[in-house]
């Protein structure tokens, strides 16, 4: 897993802004479960939830976490939902893997949702 401030990647932030509103202080995460035998058992959702808690603790200036995911990657967007993110938009983005369709769902969780 990795996390970053969207402001550190202005082109990426600007691409996302065409689909959803991006606040100052927005962060994003990226994740991968590389071992096929570790997929489908809830690990992704737990990893994402853990990272969200760490972001709120480590980055008090973070206002929200915004995560685009390839729409066809149901397992990935379901893991985001299980971790408490909600779908806030959809639209075309350049995929990380050129064989993927450009349609992405965009998920978000706000610090105020952390309760």
C-alpha atoms as a PDB file:
ATOM      1  CA  UNK A   1       0.000   0.000   0.000  1.00  0.00           C
ATOM      2  CA  UNK A   2       1.003   3.568  -0.517  1.00  0.00           C
ATOM      3  CA  UNK A   3      -0.540   6.935   0.196  1.00  0.00           C
ATOM      4  CA  UNK A   4       0.093  10.416  -1.153  1.00  0.00           C
ATOM      5  CA  UNK A   5      -1.281  13.917  -1.237  1.00  0.00           C
ATOM      6  CA  UNK A   6      -3.088  14.580  -4.498  1.00  0.00           C
ATOM      7  CA  UNK A   7      -1.515  18.063  -4.561  1.00  0.00           C
ATOM      8  CA  UNK A   8       1.866  16.367  -5.085  1.00  0.00           C
ATOM      9  CA  UNK A   9       0.624  15.068  -8.456  1.00  0.00           C
ATOM     10  CA  UNK A  10      -1.113  18.047 -10.110  1.00  0.00           C
ATOM     11  CA  UNK A  11      -1.822  16.348 -13.459  1.00  0.00           C
ATOM     12  CA  UNK A  12      -3.412  13.354 -11.732  1.00  0.00           C
ATOM     13  CA  UNK A  13      -5.412  15.684  -9.456  1.00  0.00           C
ATOM     14  CA  UNK A  14      -6.542  17.729 -12.465  1.00  0.00           C
ATOM     15  CA  UNK A  15      -7.660  14.569 -14.299  1.00  0.00           C
ATOM     16  CA  UNK A  16      -9.726  13.553 -11.258  1.00  0.00           C
ATOM     17  CA  UNK A  17     -11.186  17.065 -10.987  1.00  0.00           C
ATOM     18  CA  UNK A  18     -12.883  16.506 -14.340  1.00  0.00           C
ATOM     19  CA  UNK A  19     -14.943  13.779 -12.643  1.00  0.00           C
ATOM     20  CA  UNK A  20     -15.319  14.851  -8.989  1.00  0.00           C
ATOM     21  CA  UNK A  21     -14.601  17.808  -6.741  1.00  0.00           C
ATOM     22  CA  UNK A  22     -11.147  17.555  -5.169  1.00  0.00           C
ATOM     23  CA  UNK A  23     -10.673  19.521  -1.951  1.00  0.00           C
ATOM     24  CA  UNK A  24      -7.435  20.982  -0.697  1.00  0.00           C
ATOM     25  CA  UNK A  25      -5.953  18.409   1.638  1.00  0.00           C
ATOM     26  CA  UNK A  26      -7.204  15.436  -0.400  1.00  0.00           C
ATOM     27  CA  UNK A  27      -5.122  12.276  -0.320  1.00  0.00           C
ATOM     28  CA  UNK A  28      -5.240   9.021  -2.244  1.00  0.00           C
ATOM     29  CA  UNK A  29      -4.106   5.456  -1.737  1.00  0.00           C
ATOM     30  CA  UNK A  30      -2.902   2.673  -3.985  1.00  0.00           C
ATOM     31  CA  UNK A  31      -2.847  -1.001  -3.083  1.00  0.00           C
ATOM     32  CA  UNK A  32      -2.117  -4.404  -4.517  1.00  0.00           C
ATOM     33  CA  UNK A  33      -2.487  -7.915  -3.218  1.00  0.00           C
ATOM     34  CA  UNK A  34       0.053  -9.769  -5.322  1.00  0.00           C
ATOM     35  CA  UNK A  35      -0.549 -13.316  -4.193  1.00  0.00           C
ATOM     36  CA  UNK A  36      -3.662 -14.824  -5.815  1.00  0.00           C
ATOM     37  CA  UNK A  37      -4.328 -17.107  -2.845  1.00  0.00           C
ATOM     38  CA  UNK A  38      -4.690 -14.030  -0.603  1.00  0.00           C
ATOM     39  CA  UNK A  39      -7.463 -12.462  -2.688  1.00  0.00           C
ATOM     40  CA  UNK A  40     -11.142 -12.920  -1.987  1.00  0.00           C
ATOM     41  CA  UNK A  41     -10.788 -13.375   1.777  1.00  0.00           C
ATOM     42  CA  UNK A  42     -11.381  -9.806   3.004  1.00  0.00           C
ATOM     43  CA  UNK A  43      -7.732  -8.795   3.304  1.00  0.00           C
ATOM     44  CA  UNK A  44      -8.100  -5.835   0.905  1.00  0.00           C
ATOM     45  CA  UNK A  45     -10.886  -4.173   2.854  1.00  0.00           C
ATOM     46  CA  UNK A  46      -8.996  -4.596   6.129  1.00  0.00           C
ATOM     47  CA  UNK A  47      -5.780  -3.193   4.599  1.00  0.00           C
ATOM     48  CA  UNK A  48      -7.625  -0.169   3.212  1.00  0.00           C
ATOM     49  CA  UNK A  49      -9.446   0.496   6.509  1.00  0.00           C
ATOM     50  CA  UNK A  50      -6.138   0.310   8.369  1.00  0.00           C
ATOM     51  CA  UNK A  51      -4.503   2.768   5.972  1.00  0.00           C
ATOM     52  CA  UNK A  52      -7.422   5.182   6.312  1.00  0.00           C
ATOM     53  CA  UNK A  53      -7.024   5.202  10.101  1.00  0.00           C
ATOM     54  CA  UNK A  54      -3.279   5.848   9.711  1.00  0.00           C
ATOM     55  CA  UNK A  55      -3.891   8.720   7.292  1.00  0.00           C
ATOM     56  CA  UNK A  56      -6.235  10.430   9.752  1.00  0.00           C
ATOM     57  CA  UNK A  57      -3.623  10.022  12.503  1.00  0.00           C
ATOM     58  CA  UNK A  58      -0.469  10.796  10.512  1.00  0.00           C
ATOM     59  CA  UNK A  59      -1.892  13.590   8.345  1.00  0.00           C
ATOM     60  CA  UNK A  60      -4.087  15.917  10.408  1.00  0.00           C
ATOM     61  CA  UNK A  61      -4.365  18.245   7.394  1.00  0.00           C
ATOM     62  CA  UNK A  62      -5.982  15.508   5.256  1.00  0.00           C
ATOM     63  CA  UNK A  63      -9.603  16.383   4.525  1.00  0.00           C
ATOM     64  CA  UNK A  64     -10.587  13.338   2.498  1.00  0.00           C
ATOM     65  CA  UNK A  65      -9.297  10.287   0.671  1.00  0.00           C
ATOM     66  CA  UNK A  66     -10.218   9.920  -2.994  1.00  0.00           C
ATOM     67  CA  UNK A  67      -9.536   6.666  -4.843  1.00  0.00           C
ATOM     68  CA  UNK A  68     -10.229   5.968  -8.518  1.00  0.00           C
ATOM     69  CA  UNK A  69     -10.542   2.310  -9.500  1.00  0.00           C
ATOM     70  CA  UNK A  70     -11.090   0.624 -12.857  1.00  0.00           C
ATOM     71  CA  UNK A  71     -14.845   0.011 -13.039  1.00  0.00           C
ATOM     72  CA  UNK A  72     -14.355  -3.570 -14.231  1.00  0.00           C
ATOM     73  CA  UNK A  73     -12.303  -4.393 -11.111  1.00  0.00           C
ATOM     74  CA  UNK A  74     -15.242  -5.355  -8.919  1.00  0.00           C
ATOM     75  CA  UNK A  75     -13.062  -6.905  -6.212  1.00  0.00           C
ATOM     76  CA  UNK A  76     -11.154  -3.648  -5.776  1.00  0.00           C
ATOM     77  CA  UNK A  77     -14.163  -1.375  -5.563  1.00  0.00           C
ATOM     78  CA  UNK A  78     -15.936  -3.790  -3.230  1.00  0.00           C
ATOM     79  CA  UNK A  79     -12.894  -3.664  -0.917  1.00  0.00           C
ATOM     80  CA  UNK A  80     -13.146   0.143  -0.913  1.00  0.00           C
ATOM     81  CA  UNK A  81     -16.833  -0.076  -0.031  1.00  0.00           C
ATOM     82  CA  UNK A  82     -16.141  -2.544   2.776  1.00  0.00           C
ATOM     83  CA  UNK A  83     -13.585  -0.072   4.165  1.00  0.00           C
ATOM     84  CA  UNK A  84     -16.225   2.671   4.273  1.00  0.00           C
ATOM     85  CA  UNK A  85     -15.631   4.590   1.063  1.00  0.00           C
ATOM     86  CA  UNK A  86     -18.589   5.592  -1.079  1.00  0.00           C
ATOM     87  CA  UNK A  87     -18.806   5.925  -4.850  1.00  0.00           C
ATOM     88  CA  UNK A  88     -19.016   9.610  -5.758  1.00  0.00           C
ATOM     89  CA  UNK A  89     -18.461   9.597  -9.500  1.00  0.00           C
ATOM     90  CA  UNK A  90     -17.420   7.795 -12.610  1.00  0.00           C
ATOM     91  CA  UNK A  91     -15.649   8.740 -15.796  1.00  0.00           C
ATOM     92  CA  UNK A  92     -12.705   8.058 -18.065  1.00  0.00           C
ATOM     93  CA  UNK A  93      -9.143   8.104 -16.712  1.00  0.00           C
ATOM     94  CA  UNK A  94      -5.964   6.713 -18.200  1.00  0.00           C
ATOM     95  CA  UNK A  95      -5.662   3.237 -16.666  1.00  0.00           C
ATOM     96  CA  UNK A  96      -2.447   2.044 -15.008  1.00  0.00           C
ATOM     97  CA  UNK A  97      -2.622  -1.072 -17.165  1.00  0.00           C
ATOM     98  CA  UNK A  98      -3.159  -0.207 -20.859  1.00  0.00           C
ATOM     99  CA  UNK A  99      -5.338  -3.322 -21.373  1.00  0.00           C
ATOM    100  CA  UNK A 100      -7.924  -1.947 -18.891  1.00  0.00           C
ATOM    101  CA  UNK A 101     -10.902   0.108 -20.006  1.00  0.00           C
ATOM    102  CA  UNK A 102     -10.620   3.818 -19.138  1.00  0.00           C
ATOM    103  CA  UNK A 103     -13.932   3.827 -17.232  1.00  0.00           C
ATOM    104  CA  UNK A 104     -13.187   4.363 -13.528  1.00  0.00           C
ATOM    105  CA  UNK A 105     -15.351   4.637 -10.448  1.00  0.00           C
ATOM    106  CA  UNK A 106     -14.198   7.237  -7.962  1.00  0.00           C
ATOM    107  CA  UNK A 107     -14.576   6.521  -4.245  1.00  0.00           C
ATOM    108  CA  UNK A 108     -14.233   8.893  -1.316  1.00  0.00           C
ATOM    109  CA  UNK A 109     -14.243   9.046   2.438  1.00  0.00           C
ATOM    110  CA  UNK A 110     -14.148  12.322   4.374  1.00  0.00           C
ATOM    111  CA  UNK A 111     -12.448  12.903   7.693  1.00  0.00           C
ATOM    112  CA  UNK A 112     -15.849  13.942   9.062  1.00  0.00           C
ATOM    113  CA  UNK A 113     -17.097  10.396   8.253  1.00  0.00           C
ATOM    114  CA  UNK A 114     -14.534   8.969  10.673  1.00  0.00           C
ATOM    115  CA  UNK A 115     -16.745  10.033  13.583  1.00  0.00           C
END
